[in-house]
């Protein structure tokens, strides 16, 4: 996996950890999870684009 895709994946995992911590501490936020899903889909696209 190239460096940019690896960094994107790291940000996505970090975002998941932060979103989960926020949900546990404060409560669920639909916009937060929506933003994380968008980030995850973009990451999948970047990783898929680098493979082909």
PDB file of N, CA and C in Angstrom:
ATOM      1  N   UNK A   1       0.847  -1.166   0.000  1.00  0.00           N
ATOM      2  CA  UNK A   1       0.000   0.000   0.000  1.00  0.00           C
ATOM      3  C   UNK A   1       0.896   1.234   0.000  1.00  0.00           C
ATOM      4  N   UNK A   2       0.694   2.138  -0.934  1.00  0.00           N
ATOM      5  CA  UNK A   2       1.510   3.356  -0.997  1.00  0.00           C
ATOM      6  C   UNK A   2       1.306   4.240   0.233  1.00  0.00           C
ATOM      7  N   UNK A   3       2.227   5.175   0.406  1.00  0.00           N
ATOM      8  CA  UNK A   3       2.217   6.013   1.595  1.00  0.00           C
ATOM      9  C   UNK A   3       0.941   6.807   1.793  1.00  0.00           C
ATOM     10  N   UNK A   4       0.388   7.395   0.727  1.00  0.00           N
ATOM     11  CA  UNK A   4      -0.822   8.201   0.888  1.00  0.00           C
ATOM     12  C   UNK A   4      -2.014   7.346   1.283  1.00  0.00           C
ATOM     13  N   UNK A   5      -2.108   6.152   0.728  1.00  0.00           N
ATOM     14  CA  UNK A   5      -3.204   5.258   1.088  1.00  0.00           C
ATOM     15  C   UNK A   5      -3.050   4.774   2.530  1.00  0.00           C
ATOM     16  N   UNK A   6      -1.823   4.536   2.949  1.00  0.00           N
ATOM     17  CA  UNK A   6      -1.573   4.094   4.324  1.00  0.00           C
ATOM     18  C   UNK A   6      -1.934   5.209   5.306  1.00  0.00           C
ATOM     19  N   UNK A   7      -1.593   6.442   4.969  1.00  0.00           N
ATOM     20  CA  UNK A   7      -1.938   7.575   5.828  1.00  0.00           C
ATOM     21  C   UNK A   7      -3.451   7.753   5.904  1.00  0.00           C
ATOM     22  N   UNK A   8      -4.118   7.579   4.782  1.00  0.00           N
ATOM     23  CA  UNK A   8      -5.576   7.697   4.749  1.00  0.00           C
ATOM     24  C   UNK A   8      -6.216   6.615   5.610  1.00  0.00           C
ATOM     25  N   UNK A   9      -5.698   5.400   5.527  1.00  0.00           N
ATOM     26  CA  UNK A   9      -6.225   4.304   6.342  1.00  0.00           C
ATOM     27  C   UNK A   9      -5.980   4.580   7.825  1.00  0.00           C
ATOM     28  N   UNK A  10      -4.829   5.134   8.147  1.00  0.00           N
ATOM     29  CA  UNK A  10      -4.536   5.485   9.537  1.00  0.00           C
ATOM     30  C   UNK A  10      -5.494   6.541  10.067  1.00  0.00           C
ATOM     31  N   UNK A  11      -5.791   7.534   9.251  1.00  0.00           N
ATOM     32  CA  UNK A  11      -6.747   8.570   9.650  1.00  0.00           C
ATOM     33  C   UNK A  11      -8.143   7.988   9.842  1.00  0.00           C
ATOM     34  N   UNK A  12      -8.508   7.056   9.000  1.00  0.00           N
ATOM     35  CA  UNK A  12      -9.821   6.428   9.110  1.00  0.00           C
ATOM     36  C   UNK A  12      -9.935   5.622  10.400  1.00  0.00           C
ATOM     37  N   UNK A  13      -8.894   4.855  10.721  1.00  0.00           N
ATOM     38  CA  UNK A  13      -8.902   4.080  11.968  1.00  0.00           C
ATOM     39  C   UNK A  13      -8.910   5.023  13.174  1.00  0.00           C
ATOM     40  N   UNK A  14      -8.108   6.069  13.114  1.00  0.00           N
ATOM     41  CA  UNK A  14      -8.108   7.058  14.188  1.00  0.00           C
ATOM     42  C   UNK A  14      -9.465   7.727  14.339  1.00  0.00           C
ATOM     43  N   UNK A  15     -10.107   8.022  13.231  1.00  0.00           N
ATOM     44  CA  UNK A  15     -11.449   8.610  13.272  1.00  0.00           C
ATOM     45  C   UNK A  15     -12.461   7.667  13.890  1.00  0.00           C
ATOM     46  N   UNK A  16     -12.323   6.379  13.593  1.00  0.00           N
ATOM     47  CA  UNK A  16     -13.223   5.390  14.196  1.00  0.00           C
ATOM     48  C   UNK A  16     -13.040   5.348  15.706  1.00  0.00           C
ATOM     49  N   UNK A  17     -11.796   5.387  16.150  1.00  0.00           N
ATOM     50  CA  UNK A  17     -11.522   5.371  17.597  1.00  0.00           C
ATOM     51  C   UNK A  17     -12.094   6.626  18.257  1.00  0.00           C
ATOM     52  N   UNK A  18     -11.884   7.781  17.633  1.00  0.00           N
ATOM     53  CA  UNK A  18     -12.412   9.026  18.198  1.00  0.00           C
ATOM     54  C   UNK A  18     -13.936   9.052  18.203  1.00  0.00           C
ATOM     55  N   UNK A  19     -14.554   8.581  17.126  1.00  0.00           N
ATOM     56  CA  UNK A  19     -16.018   8.558  17.059  1.00  0.00           C
ATOM     57  C   UNK A  19     -16.593   7.621  18.117  1.00  0.00           C
ATOM     58  N   UNK A  20     -15.941   6.489  18.309  1.00  0.00           N
ATOM     59  CA  UNK A  20     -16.402   5.544  19.330  1.00  0.00           C
ATOM     60  C   UNK A  20     -16.242   6.140  20.721  1.00  0.00           C
ATOM     61  N   UNK A  21     -15.101   6.773  20.991  1.00  0.00           N
ATOM     62  CA  UNK A  21     -14.879   7.390  22.296  1.00  0.00           C
ATOM     63  C   UNK A  21     -15.896   8.501  22.557  1.00  0.00           C
ATOM     64  N   UNK A  22     -16.183   9.305  21.551  1.00  0.00           N
ATOM     65  CA  UNK A  22     -17.165  10.379  21.688  1.00  0.00           C
ATOM     66  C   UNK A  22     -18.543   9.805  21.990  1.00  0.00           C
ATOM     67  N   UNK A  23     -18.898   8.737  21.276  1.00  0.00           N
ATOM     68  CA  UNK A  23     -20.202   8.112  21.481  1.00  0.00           C
ATOM     69  C   UNK A  23     -20.329   7.554  22.891  1.00  0.00           C
ATOM     70  N   UNK A  24     -19.270   6.944  23.394  1.00  0.00           N
ATOM     71  CA  UNK A  24     -19.300   6.392  24.749  1.00  0.00           C
ATOM     72  C   UNK A  24     -19.383   7.511  25.782  1.00  0.00           C
ATOM     73  N   UNK A  25     -18.628   8.585  25.580  1.00  0.00           N
ATOM     74  CA  UNK A  25     -18.551   9.652  26.572  1.00  0.00           C
ATOM     75  C   UNK A  25     -19.763  10.580  26.546  1.00  0.00           C
ATOM     76  N   UNK A  26     -20.210  10.967  25.363  1.00  0.00           N
ATOM     77  CA  UNK A  26     -21.228  12.005  25.249  1.00  0.00           C
ATOM     78  C   UNK A  26     -22.572  11.451  24.772  1.00  0.00           C
ATOM     79  N   UNK A  27     -22.527  10.516  23.867  1.00  0.00           N
ATOM     80  CA  UNK A  27     -23.742   9.978  23.257  1.00  0.00           C
ATOM     81  C   UNK A  27     -23.591   9.989  21.756  1.00  0.00           C
ATOM     82  N   UNK A  28     -24.466   9.297  21.110  1.00  0.00           N
ATOM     83  CA  UNK A  28     -24.366   9.125  19.661  1.00  0.00           C
ATOM     84  C   UNK A  28     -24.639  10.430  18.918  1.00  0.00           C
ATOM     85  N   UNK A  29     -23.905  10.625  17.846  1.00  0.00           N
ATOM     86  CA  UNK A  29     -24.102  11.772  16.969  1.00  0.00           C
ATOM     87  C   UNK A  29     -24.197  11.248  15.536  1.00  0.00           C
ATOM     88  N   UNK A  30     -25.347  11.421  14.943  1.00  0.00           N
ATOM     89  CA  UNK A  30     -25.565  10.926  13.585  1.00  0.00           C
ATOM     90  C   UNK A  30     -24.613  11.548  12.576  1.00  0.00           C
ATOM     91  N   UNK A  31     -24.361  12.856  12.721  1.00  0.00           N
ATOM     92  CA  UNK A  31     -23.462  13.537  11.790  1.00  0.00           C
ATOM     93  C   UNK A  31     -22.030  13.041  11.917  1.00  0.00           C
ATOM     94  N   UNK A  32     -21.615  12.741  13.144  1.00  0.00           N
ATOM     95  CA  UNK A  32     -20.265  12.224  13.364  1.00  0.00           C
ATOM     96  C   UNK A  32     -20.081  10.885  12.661  1.00  0.00           C
ATOM     97  N   UNK A  33     -21.045   9.988  12.827  1.00  0.00           N
ATOM     98  CA  UNK A  33     -20.949   8.678  12.190  1.00  0.00           C
ATOM     99  C   UNK A  33     -21.103   8.785  10.670  1.00  0.00           C
ATOM    100  N   UNK A  34     -21.941   9.703  10.214  1.00  0.00           N
ATOM    101  CA  UNK A  34     -22.074   9.926   8.769  1.00  0.00           C
ATOM    102  C   UNK A  34     -20.737  10.384   8.186  1.00  0.00           C
ATOM    103  N   UNK A  35     -20.068  11.310   8.874  1.00  0.00           N
ATOM    104  CA  UNK A  35     -18.767  11.804   8.403  1.00  0.00           C
ATOM    105  C   UNK A  35     -17.746  10.678   8.391  1.00  0.00           C
ATOM    106  N   UNK A  36     -17.781   9.805   9.405  1.00  0.00           N
ATOM    107  CA  UNK A  36     -16.833   8.699   9.432  1.00  0.00           C
ATOM    108  C   UNK A  36     -17.106   7.721   8.292  1.00  0.00           C
ATOM    109  N   UNK A  37     -18.355   7.440   7.994  1.00  0.00           N
ATOM    110  CA  UNK A  37     -18.692   6.534   6.888  1.00  0.00           C
ATOM    111  C   UNK A  37     -18.210   7.118   5.563  1.00  0.00           C
ATOM    112  N   UNK A  38     -18.393   8.420   5.379  1.00  0.00           N
ATOM    113  CA  UNK A  38     -17.892   9.062   4.158  1.00  0.00           C
ATOM    114  C   UNK A  38     -16.373   8.941   4.082  1.00  0.00           C
ATOM    115  N   UNK A  39     -15.682   9.186   5.189  1.00  0.00           N
ATOM    116  CA  UNK A  39     -14.227   9.039   5.224  1.00  0.00           C
ATOM    117  C   UNK A  39     -13.812   7.604   4.900  1.00  0.00           C
ATOM    118  N   UNK A  40     -14.521   6.629   5.454  1.00  0.00           N
ATOM    119  CA  UNK A  40     -14.206   5.224   5.182  1.00  0.00           C
ATOM    120  C   UNK A  40     -14.412   4.882   3.705  1.00  0.00           C
ATOM    121  N   UNK A  41     -15.472   5.390   3.102  1.00  0.00           N
ATOM    122  CA  UNK A  41     -15.718   5.119   1.681  1.00  0.00           C
ATOM    123  C   UNK A  41     -14.651   5.772   0.795  1.00  0.00           C
ATOM    124  N   UNK A  42     -14.239   6.969   1.158  1.00  0.00           N
ATOM    125  CA  UNK A  42     -13.165   7.630   0.405  1.00  0.00           C
ATOM    126  C   UNK A  42     -11.872   6.836   0.544  1.00  0.00           C
ATOM    127  N   UNK A  43     -11.601   6.333   1.736  1.00  0.00           N
ATOM    128  CA  UNK A  43     -10.400   5.524   1.964  1.00  0.00           C
ATOM    129  C   UNK A  43     -10.434   4.261   1.117  1.00  0.00           C
ATOM    130  N   UNK A  44     -11.577   3.602   1.083  1.00  0.00           N
ATOM    131  CA  UNK A  44     -11.712   2.396   0.247  1.00  0.00           C
ATOM    132  C   UNK A  44     -11.463   2.746  -1.214  1.00  0.00           C
ATOM    133  N   UNK A  45     -11.980   3.877  -1.656  1.00  0.00           N
ATOM    134  CA  UNK A  45     -11.742   4.309  -3.037  1.00  0.00           C
ATOM    135  C   UNK A  45     -10.280   4.591  -3.318  1.00  0.00           C
ATOM    136  N   UNK A  46      -9.594   5.236  -2.373  1.00  0.00           N
ATOM    137  CA  UNK A  46      -8.171   5.525  -2.562  1.00  0.00           C
ATOM    138  C   UNK A  46      -7.360   4.237  -2.610  1.00  0.00           C
ATOM    139  N   UNK A  47      -7.640   3.319  -1.688  1.00  0.00           N
ATOM    140  CA  UNK A  47      -6.919   2.053  -1.663  1.00  0.00           C
ATOM    141  C   UNK A  47      -7.184   1.246  -2.936  1.00  0.00           C
ATOM    142  N   UNK A  48      -8.436   1.210  -3.366  1.00  0.00           N
ATOM    143  CA  UNK A  48      -8.780   0.482  -4.592  1.00  0.00           C
ATOM    144  C   UNK A  48      -8.131   1.134  -5.809  1.00  0.00           C
ATOM    145  N   UNK A  49      -8.089   2.453  -5.828  1.00  0.00           N
ATOM    146  CA  UNK A  49      -7.472   3.165  -6.946  1.00  0.00           C
ATOM    147  C   UNK A  49      -5.975   2.931  -7.024  1.00  0.00           C
ATOM    148  N   UNK A  50      -5.328   2.767  -5.879  1.00  0.00           N
ATOM    149  CA  UNK A  50      -3.875   2.534  -5.871  1.00  0.00           C
ATOM    150  C   UNK A  50      -3.545   1.102  -6.285  1.00  0.00           C
ATOM    151  N   UNK A  51      -4.492   0.186  -6.108  1.00  0.00           N
ATOM    152  CA  UNK A  51      -4.220  -1.221  -6.440  1.00  0.00           C
ATOM    153  C   UNK A  51      -4.286  -1.472  -7.948  1.00  0.00           C
ATOM    154  N   UNK A  52      -5.156  -0.710  -8.647  1.00  0.00           N
ATOM    155  CA  UNK A  52      -5.304  -0.954 -10.083  1.00  0.00           C
ATOM    156  C   UNK A  52      -4.668   0.120 -10.884  1.00  0.00           C
TER     157      UNK A  52
END
